Amino acid sequence: MTLTVLLFASYADALGRSTLQLDLPPGTTVEELLDRVRGMAPATALPRARVAVNQEYAFPGQPVAPGDEIAIIPPVAGG
């Protein structure tokens, strides 16, 4: 299945784009998707991030499905 993933903050910076298309097998979980995206970054160590599926925070074992809106939201420091 092909999924569109929205990237924010350090993830968008590290990967040089705000969205990406991923081909993943059916039954892929949020945690597996996040691991795949983190593995795409150059040597930069990306922080753990929250993942939202269809505008609600998802848990790591939650499966994703075609047509889901997926957003990776890393922690943000303000000042």
Protein backbone atom coordinates (compact mmCIF):
# COMPACT_ATOMS: atom_id res chain seq x y z
CA MET A 1 0.00 0.00 0.00
CA THR A 2 1.16 3.53 -0.70
CA LEU A 3 0.81 6.11 2.06
CA THR A 4 1.40 9.85 2.17
CA VAL A 5 3.17 10.99 5.32
CA LEU A 6 3.26 14.63 6.47
CA LEU A 7 6.54 15.67 8.10
CA PHE A 8 7.08 18.53 10.53
CA ALA A 9 10.01 20.34 12.21
CA SER A 10 13.19 18.23 12.52
CA TYR A 11 11.76 15.43 10.35
CA ALA A 12 11.02 17.80 7.47
CA ASP A 13 14.44 19.41 7.90
CA ALA A 14 16.34 16.10 7.99
CA LEU A 15 14.55 14.66 4.96
CA GLY A 16 14.42 17.93 3.01
CA ARG A 17 10.68 17.82 2.35
CA SER A 18 7.34 18.18 4.07
CA THR A 19 5.68 15.08 2.62
CA LEU A 20 6.78 11.71 1.40
CA GLN A 21 5.22 8.69 -0.22
CA LEU A 22 5.93 5.28 1.32
CA ASP A 23 5.19 1.84 -0.07
CA LEU A 24 4.52 -0.41 2.90
CA PRO A 25 3.01 -3.88 3.30
CA PRO A 26 -0.57 -4.18 4.54
CA GLY A 27 -0.75 -4.41 8.32
CA THR A 28 2.16 -2.04 8.91
CA THR A 29 1.94 -0.45 12.35
CA VAL A 30 2.59 3.14 13.39
CA GLU A 31 5.84 2.07 15.08
CA GLU A 32 7.07 0.28 11.94
CA LEU A 33 6.20 3.29 9.79
CA LEU A 34 8.07 5.63 12.15
CA ASP A 35 11.12 3.33 12.19
CA ARG A 36 11.11 3.30 8.38
CA VAL A 37 10.99 7.10 8.17
CA ARG A 38 13.70 7.53 10.82
CA GLY A 39 15.90 5.12 8.83
CA MET A 40 15.59 7.36 5.75
CA ALA A 41 17.34 10.28 7.44
CA PRO A 42 21.04 10.77 6.85
CA ALA A 43 23.31 10.23 9.85
CA THR A 44 21.17 12.69 11.80
CA ALA A 45 19.60 11.11 14.85
CA LEU A 46 15.95 12.10 14.81
CA PRO A 47 14.05 12.36 18.08
CA ARG A 48 11.19 10.05 18.91
CA ALA A 49 7.99 11.60 17.69
CA ARG A 50 4.26 11.31 18.03
CA VAL A 51 2.30 10.06 15.06
CA ALA A 52 -1.21 11.21 14.26
CA VAL A 53 -3.46 9.09 12.08
CA ASN A 54 -6.51 10.89 10.74
CA GLN A 55 -5.83 13.85 13.06
CA GLU A 56 -5.76 11.78 16.26
CA TYR A 57 -2.64 10.64 18.11
CA ALA A 58 -2.00 6.97 17.43
CA PHE A 59 -0.46 4.25 19.59
CA PRO A 60 2.63 2.33 18.38
CA GLY A 61 0.86 -0.94 17.60
CA GLN A 62 -1.97 0.67 15.65
CA PRO A 63 -2.07 -0.47 12.02
CA VAL A 64 -2.22 2.10 9.23
CA ALA A 65 -4.39 1.72 6.15
CA PRO A 66 -4.52 3.15 2.64
CA GLY A 67 -6.13 6.58 2.67
CA ASP A 68 -5.10 7.38 6.25
CA GLU A 69 -3.76 10.88 6.85
CA ILE A 70 -0.47 10.34 8.68
CA ALA A 71 1.52 13.11 10.36
CA ILE A 72 4.83 12.77 12.20
CA ILE A 73 5.04 15.40 14.94
CA PRO A 74 8.35 15.64 16.80
CA PRO A 75 8.69 17.41 20.14
CA VAL A 76 9.13 21.15 19.76
CA ALA A 77 10.96 23.46 22.14
CA GLY A 78 9.80 27.02 22.43
CA GLY A 79 11.26 30.10 23.88
